[in-house]
């Protein structure tokens, strides 16, 4: 009996038979079929390392994506929690709002000696220190008209005080929040006014710069009143104008209202970038944009301001002012919106005479 061959050797026998066949077409077909089967077998038994390497690379990429997404989600959740926590923190600690309004802890420019205004290019300026109250000391700068700068060299405080009685008008300048009396933009204004023949007296409120004390609306107003009385005691009949800028407009209207009530008004009041009151200014300030539509915005952010005794009600104060008033406001003011300055003027509508000029615009190239 013939022994049966193993199936696994059938392929090789077929290949050998095809090699010995004399038929060209049949041999070619079998040879092609043999090669195809060998290639398929070799492909099936090939190394698996490339496939496993690609799988490992994909796994690492997916791992990195998951890790990145986890970190991003963690950052988003932390930011959201911080965003929600801030209103409650402000409500529980009203003093935070007071600090954000005054910004007296932001002393720019840094590393300047306020005792030496000459370092800021004011070589005709004297530094004083006045004491409105027992525990309060405020730093004052007095810049004389620039035409006297040569005469001012080496002069002491007494000479500067006597100069206030000269035949030149005086401007009491009340700066805004943050910074000091030595701020760059403020120094440039002093120089301009001095070149126009004005004495410029400015100071840092209690808690600002090198002035000693704790800031408050009442304290800032009292500081301004003390400096005004100090000027009037030395200036004789020279005109004294009060110029307030930004937050300083709130101090200025508080001061001038009080002066008008005691019948000693200044010769004029100049308000640069005024706001109606501190609640409306806080609501319109760029910093409030991210919370302006937050539920309970007024309760969280504005009520603590009022409870801290901070009002700066320019729109009410100007109704009780009898001296000439000039309002200056840039239409593109990024901090105090123009419409708030316009509302200050509108609050006087019923009190203005027909001859009072309306709001006008100056061309930006003038």
Protein backbone atom coordinates (compact mmCIF):
# COMPACT_ATOMS: atom_id res chain seq x y z
CA UNK A 1 0.00 0.00 0.00
CA UNK A 2 1.26 3.52 -0.91
CA UNK A 3 2.13 5.79 2.05
CA UNK A 4 0.25 9.13 2.24
CA UNK A 5 2.42 12.25 2.14
CA UNK A 6 2.08 15.12 4.65
CA UNK A 7 -0.05 18.08 3.47
CA UNK A 8 2.64 20.50 4.45
CA UNK A 9 4.98 19.23 1.71
CA UNK A 10 2.39 19.49 -1.02
CA UNK A 11 3.46 22.97 -1.98
CA UNK A 12 7.10 22.00 -2.52
CA UNK A 13 6.12 18.94 -4.55
CA UNK A 14 3.88 21.04 -6.69
CA UNK A 15 6.72 23.46 -7.21
CA UNK A 16 9.09 20.63 -8.16
CA UNK A 17 6.55 19.10 -10.53
CA UNK A 18 6.05 22.40 -12.23
CA UNK A 19 9.82 22.66 -12.73
CA UNK A 20 9.98 19.30 -14.55
CA UNK A 21 6.93 19.85 -16.76
CA UNK A 22 7.53 20.50 -20.36
CA UNK A 23 4.47 22.74 -20.77
CA UNK A 24 5.57 26.43 -20.67
CA UNK A 25 2.24 28.00 -19.82
CA UNK A 26 1.38 25.51 -17.07
CA UNK A 27 4.85 25.85 -15.55
CA UNK A 28 4.65 29.60 -15.53
CA UNK A 29 1.25 29.53 -13.83
CA UNK A 30 2.38 27.10 -11.18
CA UNK A 31 5.61 29.03 -10.59
CA UNK A 32 3.70 32.26 -10.12
CA UNK A 33 1.28 30.56 -7.76
CA UNK A 34 4.20 29.12 -5.78
CA UNK A 35 5.88 32.50 -5.43
CA UNK A 36 2.66 34.16 -4.38
CA UNK A 37 2.08 31.58 -1.65
CA UNK A 38 5.66 31.89 -0.43
CA UNK A 39 5.40 35.67 -0.29
CA UNK A 40 2.13 35.50 1.62
CA UNK A 41 3.64 33.03 4.07
CA UNK A 42 6.74 35.17 4.57
CA UNK A 43 4.58 38.23 5.06
CA UNK A 44 2.53 36.40 7.68
CA UNK A 45 5.65 35.27 9.53
CA UNK A 46 7.46 38.63 9.36
CA UNK A 47 8.68 40.46 12.45
CA UNK A 48 6.04 42.25 14.56
CA UNK A 49 8.40 44.88 15.99
CA UNK A 50 7.42 47.74 13.60
CA UNK A 51 3.73 47.31 14.38
CA UNK A 52 4.32 47.16 18.14
CA UNK A 53 6.60 50.27 17.92
CA UNK A 54 3.85 52.23 16.15
CA UNK A 55 1.34 51.13 18.75
CA UNK A 56 3.65 52.30 21.55
CA UNK A 57 4.09 55.68 19.83
CA UNK A 58 0.34 56.10 19.52
CA UNK A 59 -0.10 55.21 23.19
CA UNK A 60 2.49 57.79 24.22
CA UNK A 61 0.81 60.46 22.08
CA UNK A 62 -2.58 59.65 23.59
CA UNK A 63 -1.01 59.77 27.06
CA UNK A 64 0.43 63.21 26.39
CA UNK A 65 -2.92 64.46 25.11
CA UNK A 66 -4.70 63.16 28.18
CA UNK A 67 -2.09 64.75 30.46
CA UNK A 68 -2.39 68.10 28.62
CA UNK A 69 -6.18 68.00 28.79
CA UNK A 70 -6.02 67.16 32.50
CA UNK A 71 -3.73 70.12 33.17
CA UNK A 72 -5.86 72.46 31.06
CA UNK A 73 -9.01 71.34 32.84
CA UNK A 74 -7.31 71.87 36.20
CA UNK A 75 -6.27 75.41 35.21
CA UNK A 76 -9.80 76.23 33.99
CA UNK A 77 -11.39 74.92 37.18
CA UNK A 78 -8.91 76.86 39.36
CA UNK A 79 -9.53 80.06 37.37
CA UNK A 80 -13.29 79.57 37.63
CA UNK A 81 -13.05 78.98 41.36
CA UNK A 82 -10.89 82.08 41.77
CA UNK A 83 -13.34 84.11 39.66
CA UNK A 84 -16.28 83.05 41.83
CA UNK A 85 -14.38 83.50 45.12
CA UNK A 86 -13.29 87.12 44.51
CA UNK A 87 -16.78 88.70 44.88
CA UNK A 88 -17.29 86.94 48.22
CA UNK A 89 -13.83 88.00 49.38
CA UNK A 90 -14.54 91.65 48.50
CA UNK A 91 -17.89 91.52 50.26
CA UNK A 92 -16.39 90.04 53.43
CA UNK A 93 -13.42 92.49 53.40
CA UNK A 94 -14.66 95.95 52.32
CA UNK A 95 -11.19 97.37 52.89
CA UNK A 96 -10.10 95.66 49.66
CA UNK A 97 -12.34 97.97 47.65
CA UNK A 98 -10.94 101.03 49.41
CA UNK A 99 -7.40 99.97 48.51
CA UNK A 100 -8.40 99.37 44.89
CA UNK A 101 -9.96 102.83 44.70
CA UNK A 102 -7.06 104.71 46.27
CA UNK A 103 -4.20 102.53 44.94
CA UNK A 104 -1.94 104.53 47.24
CA UNK A 105 0.31 101.48 47.61
CA UNK A 106 1.25 101.77 43.91
CA UNK A 107 4.18 104.15 44.10
CA UNK A 108 5.38 104.98 40.60
CA UNK A 109 7.92 105.92 39.52
CA UNK A 110 9.85 103.79 42.00
CA UNK A 111 13.11 104.68 43.69
CA UNK A 112 12.77 108.47 43.53
CA UNK A 113 13.53 110.80 46.43
CA UNK A 114 10.51 113.05 46.86
CA UNK A 115 12.62 115.34 49.02
CA UNK A 116 14.58 116.24 45.87
CA UNK A 117 12.22 117.49 43.12
CA UNK A 118 15.34 118.69 41.28
CA UNK A 119 15.97 115.05 40.36
CA UNK A 120 12.75 115.16 38.33
CA UNK A 121 13.82 118.24 36.38
CA UNK A 122 12.08 120.74 38.69
CA UNK A 123 15.02 122.97 39.57
CA UNK A 124 12.73 125.77 40.78
CA UNK A 125 10.70 123.69 43.26
CA UNK A 126 10.82 123.43 47.04
CA UNK A 127 9.73 120.43 49.12
CA UNK A 128 7.71 121.13 52.31
CA UNK A 129 6.08 119.04 54.99
CA UNK A 130 2.82 120.21 56.55
CA UNK A 131 0.84 118.73 59.44
CA UNK A 132 -2.95 118.89 58.99
CA UNK A 133 -3.53 116.79 62.12
CA UNK A 134 -1.43 115.57 65.02
CA UNK A 135 -0.73 112.13 63.54
CA UNK A 136 -0.69 113.18 59.88
CA UNK A 137 2.16 114.66 57.84
CA UNK A 138 1.90 115.44 54.12
CA UNK A 139 4.64 116.15 51.60
CA UNK A 140 4.18 119.29 49.47
CA UNK A 141 5.91 120.61 46.33
CA UNK A 142 5.85 124.30 45.44
CA UNK A 143 6.95 125.13 41.90
CA UNK A 144 7.36 128.85 41.16
CA UNK A 145 6.91 130.47 37.71
CA UNK A 146 9.75 129.37 35.45
CA UNK A 147 10.85 132.95 34.77
CA UNK A 148 12.27 132.96 38.32
CA UNK A 149 14.20 129.72 38.12
CA UNK A 150 17.59 131.47 38.31
CA UNK A 151 16.58 133.48 41.35
CA UNK A 152 15.31 130.31 43.05
CA UNK A 153 18.67 128.53 43.06
CA UNK A 154 19.84 127.86 46.61
CA UNK A 155 16.82 129.55 48.22
CA UNK A 156 15.20 128.14 51.36
CA UNK A 157 11.56 127.40 52.21
CA UNK A 158 10.92 130.89 53.60
CA UNK A 159 11.86 132.46 50.26
CA UNK A 160 9.42 130.19 48.42
CA UNK A 161 6.62 130.97 50.88
CA UNK A 162 7.18 134.72 50.44
CA UNK A 163 7.09 134.24 46.67
CA UNK A 164 3.42 133.22 46.90
CA UNK A 165 2.60 136.88 47.56
CA UNK A 166 4.08 137.92 44.19
CA UNK A 167 1.85 139.06 41.38
CA UNK A 168 1.31 135.59 39.90
CA UNK A 169 -1.74 133.31 40.10
CA UNK A 170 -1.55 130.05 42.04
CA UNK A 171 -2.86 126.59 41.14
CA UNK A 172 -3.50 124.00 43.84
CA UNK A 173 -3.22 120.69 42.00
CA UNK A 174 -4.98 117.60 43.41
CA UNK A 175 -3.73 114.44 41.71
CA UNK A 176 -5.62 111.19 41.12
CA UNK A 177 -5.15 107.73 42.59
CA UNK A 178 -1.94 105.71 42.46
CA UNK A 179 1.53 107.16 42.10
CA UNK A 180 2.83 110.22 43.91
CA UNK A 181 3.28 113.94 43.33
CA UNK A 182 6.43 112.95 41.44
CA UNK A 183 4.63 110.99 38.70
CA UNK A 184 6.07 111.65 35.24
CA UNK A 185 2.86 112.94 33.64
CA UNK A 186 2.20 115.14 36.67
CA UNK A 187 5.69 116.63 36.58
CA UNK A 188 5.19 117.50 32.91
CA UNK A 189 1.98 119.37 33.78
CA UNK A 190 3.76 121.33 36.53
CA UNK A 191 6.37 122.41 33.99
CA UNK A 192 3.74 123.57 31.51
CA UNK A 193 1.80 125.57 34.10
CA UNK A 194 5.02 127.04 35.50
CA UNK A 195 6.06 128.15 32.01
CA UNK A 196 2.72 129.97 31.74
CA UNK A 197 3.52 132.02 34.84
CA UNK A 198 1.67 130.06 37.55
CA UNK A 199 2.79 128.95 40.97
CA UNK A 200 1.93 125.24 41.27
CA UNK A 201 1.37 123.78 44.73
CA UNK A 202 0.74 120.04 44.89
CA UNK A 203 0.93 117.41 47.60
CA UNK A 204 0.48 113.74 48.38
CA UNK A 205 -2.58 112.90 50.43
CA UNK A 206 -2.09 111.02 53.68
CA UNK A 207 -0.96 107.49 52.85
CA UNK A 208 0.51 108.45 49.45
CA UNK A 209 4.20 108.86 48.70
CA UNK A 210 6.10 109.99 51.79
CA UNK A 211 2.98 111.37 53.50
CA UNK A 212 2.01 109.74 56.79
CA UNK A 213 -1.52 108.62 57.66
CA UNK A 214 -4.34 106.34 56.58
CA UNK A 215 -6.24 107.37 53.43
CA UNK A 216 -9.95 108.12 53.54
CA UNK A 217 -12.27 110.49 51.71
CA UNK A 218 -12.66 112.68 54.77
CA UNK A 219 -8.91 112.71 55.43
CA UNK A 220 -8.02 113.55 51.82
CA UNK A 221 -10.49 116.43 51.81
CA UNK A 222 -9.14 117.75 55.09
CA UNK A 223 -5.56 117.59 53.74
CA UNK A 224 -6.61 119.66 50.72
CA UNK A 225 -8.40 122.18 52.94
CA UNK A 226 -5.31 122.55 55.12
CA UNK A 227 -3.06 123.23 52.11
CA UNK A 228 -5.56 125.72 50.65
CA UNK A 229 -5.70 127.66 53.91
CA UNK A 230 -1.90 127.54 54.10
CA UNK A 231 -1.71 129.09 50.61
CA UNK A 232 -4.32 131.77 51.31
CA UNK A 233 -2.47 132.82 54.46
CA UNK A 234 0.60 133.66 52.31
CA UNK A 235 -0.75 134.67 48.89
CA UNK A 236 -2.45 137.95 49.70
CA UNK A 237 -4.89 138.94 46.93
CA UNK A 238 -3.38 136.68 44.27
CA UNK A 239 -5.97 134.44 42.59
CA UNK A 240 -5.99 130.80 43.68
CA UNK A 241 -7.39 128.12 41.37
CA UNK A 242 -8.07 124.51 42.31
CA UNK A 243 -7.35 121.83 39.71
CA UNK A 244 -8.45 118.25 40.31
CA UNK A 245 -7.68 115.27 38.10
CA UNK A 246 -9.53 111.92 38.05
CA UNK A 247 -9.97 110.85 41.69
CA UNK A 248 -8.67 114.31 42.59
CA UNK A 249 -11.87 115.79 41.11
CA UNK A 250 -13.77 114.12 43.96
CA UNK A 251 -11.43 115.75 46.49
CA UNK A 252 -11.67 119.06 44.63
CA UNK A 253 -15.48 119.23 44.62
CA UNK A 254 -15.60 118.19 48.29
CA UNK A 255 -13.13 120.97 49.09
CA UNK A 256 -14.75 123.70 46.98
CA UNK A 257 -18.24 122.88 48.24
CA UNK A 258 -16.97 123.33 51.78
CA UNK A 259 -15.18 126.58 50.84
CA UNK A 260 -18.32 127.95 49.19
CA UNK A 261 -20.41 127.04 52.24
CA UNK A 262 -18.06 129.03 54.47
CA UNK A 263 -18.05 131.84 51.86
CA UNK A 264 -14.33 131.63 50.99
CA UNK A 265 -14.50 130.11 47.49
CA UNK A 266 -11.46 129.83 45.22
CA UNK A 267 -11.26 131.98 42.11
CA UNK A 268 -12.12 128.99 39.90
CA UNK A 269 -12.40 125.21 39.88
CA UNK A 270 -10.98 123.03 37.08
CA UNK A 271 -12.09 119.41 36.83
CA UNK A 272 -10.06 117.17 34.55
CA UNK A 273 -11.68 113.81 33.75
CA UNK A 274 -14.40 114.01 36.40
CA UNK A 275 -16.89 111.26 37.20
CA UNK A 276 -20.37 111.55 38.66
CA UNK A 277 -19.76 109.55 41.82
CA UNK A 278 -17.52 106.70 42.85
CA UNK A 279 -20.22 104.03 42.40
CA UNK A 280 -20.77 104.89 38.77
CA UNK A 281 -17.04 105.23 38.15
CA UNK A 282 -16.37 101.80 39.70
CA UNK A 283 -19.10 100.28 37.55
CA UNK A 284 -17.68 101.89 34.39
CA UNK A 285 -14.02 101.21 35.14
CA UNK A 286 -12.21 98.79 32.78
CA UNK A 287 -11.31 96.54 35.72
CA UNK A 288 -15.00 95.84 36.34
CA UNK A 289 -15.69 94.50 32.85
CA UNK A 290 -15.29 90.82 33.79
CA UNK A 291 -17.75 91.19 36.69
CA UNK A 292 -20.15 93.82 35.36
CA UNK A 293 -22.79 91.21 34.50
CA UNK A 294 -22.05 88.98 37.47
CA UNK A 295 -25.25 88.28 39.48
CA UNK A 296 -25.41 90.70 42.40
CA UNK A 297 -22.63 92.96 41.09
CA UNK A 298 -23.85 96.01 43.02
CA UNK A 299 -24.22 94.02 46.26
CA UNK A 300 -20.81 92.39 45.97
CA UNK A 301 -18.72 95.28 44.67
CA UNK A 302 -20.48 98.65 45.00
CA UNK A 303 -22.18 98.40 48.37
CA UNK A 304 -18.85 97.75 50.17
CA UNK A 305 -17.57 101.05 48.74
CA UNK A 306 -20.49 102.96 50.21
CA UNK A 307 -20.20 101.12 53.53
CA UNK A 308 -16.55 102.25 53.66
CA UNK A 309 -17.71 105.87 53.59
CA UNK A 310 -16.39 106.57 50.08
CA UNK A 311 -18.73 108.58 47.86
CA UNK A 312 -16.89 111.39 46.02
CA UNK A 313 -20.25 112.68 44.78
CA UNK A 314 -19.18 115.19 42.12
CA UNK A 315 -22.67 115.31 40.61
CA UNK A 316 -24.09 116.53 43.94
CA UNK A 317 -21.19 118.73 44.99
CA UNK A 318 -21.16 120.86 41.83
CA UNK A 319 -24.74 121.95 42.59
CA UNK A 320 -23.41 123.76 45.68
CA UNK A 321 -20.44 125.44 44.01
CA UNK A 322 -20.69 129.17 43.30
CA UNK A 323 -17.26 129.84 41.72
CA UNK A 324 -16.48 129.54 37.97
CA UNK A 325 -16.18 125.92 36.84
CA UNK A 326 -14.26 124.46 33.89
CA UNK A 327 -14.63 120.77 32.94
CA UNK A 328 -11.97 119.09 30.78
CA UNK A 329 -12.51 115.56 29.46
CA UNK A 330 -11.03 113.54 26.60
CA UNK A 331 -13.58 111.72 24.50
CA UNK A 332 -11.30 108.66 24.33
CA UNK A 333 -10.49 108.55 28.05
CA UNK A 334 -9.85 104.83 28.77
CA UNK A 335 -10.28 105.05 32.56
CA UNK A 336 -13.01 107.61 33.28
CA UNK A 337 -15.53 107.40 30.41
CA UNK A 338 -16.44 110.66 28.69
CA UNK A 339 -20.15 110.17 29.35
CA UNK A 340 -19.55 110.47 33.11
CA UNK A 341 -17.98 113.90 32.64
CA UNK A 342 -20.92 114.88 30.46
CA UNK A 343 -23.31 113.77 33.18
CA UNK A 344 -21.54 116.05 35.66
CA UNK A 345 -22.28 118.96 33.33
CA UNK A 346 -25.85 117.76 32.81
CA UNK A 347 -26.41 117.77 36.58
CA UNK A 348 -25.98 121.56 36.43
CA UNK A 349 -28.51 122.13 33.66
CA UNK A 350 -31.13 123.67 35.88
CA UNK A 351 -28.61 125.94 37.60
CA UNK A 352 -26.77 127.35 34.57
CA UNK A 353 -27.62 130.70 33.04
CA UNK A 354 -28.38 131.06 29.35
CA UNK A 355 -24.99 132.67 28.79
CA UNK A 356 -23.11 129.62 30.11
CA UNK A 357 -21.24 127.94 27.23
CA UNK A 358 -22.21 124.37 26.39
CA UNK A 359 -19.84 121.44 25.95
CA UNK A 360 -17.42 121.98 23.08
CA UNK A 361 -14.72 119.85 21.46
CA UNK A 362 -11.16 120.83 20.64
CA UNK A 363 -9.49 119.34 17.58
CA UNK A 364 -6.82 116.80 18.51
CA UNK A 365 -4.18 118.74 16.53
CA UNK A 366 -4.70 121.97 18.47
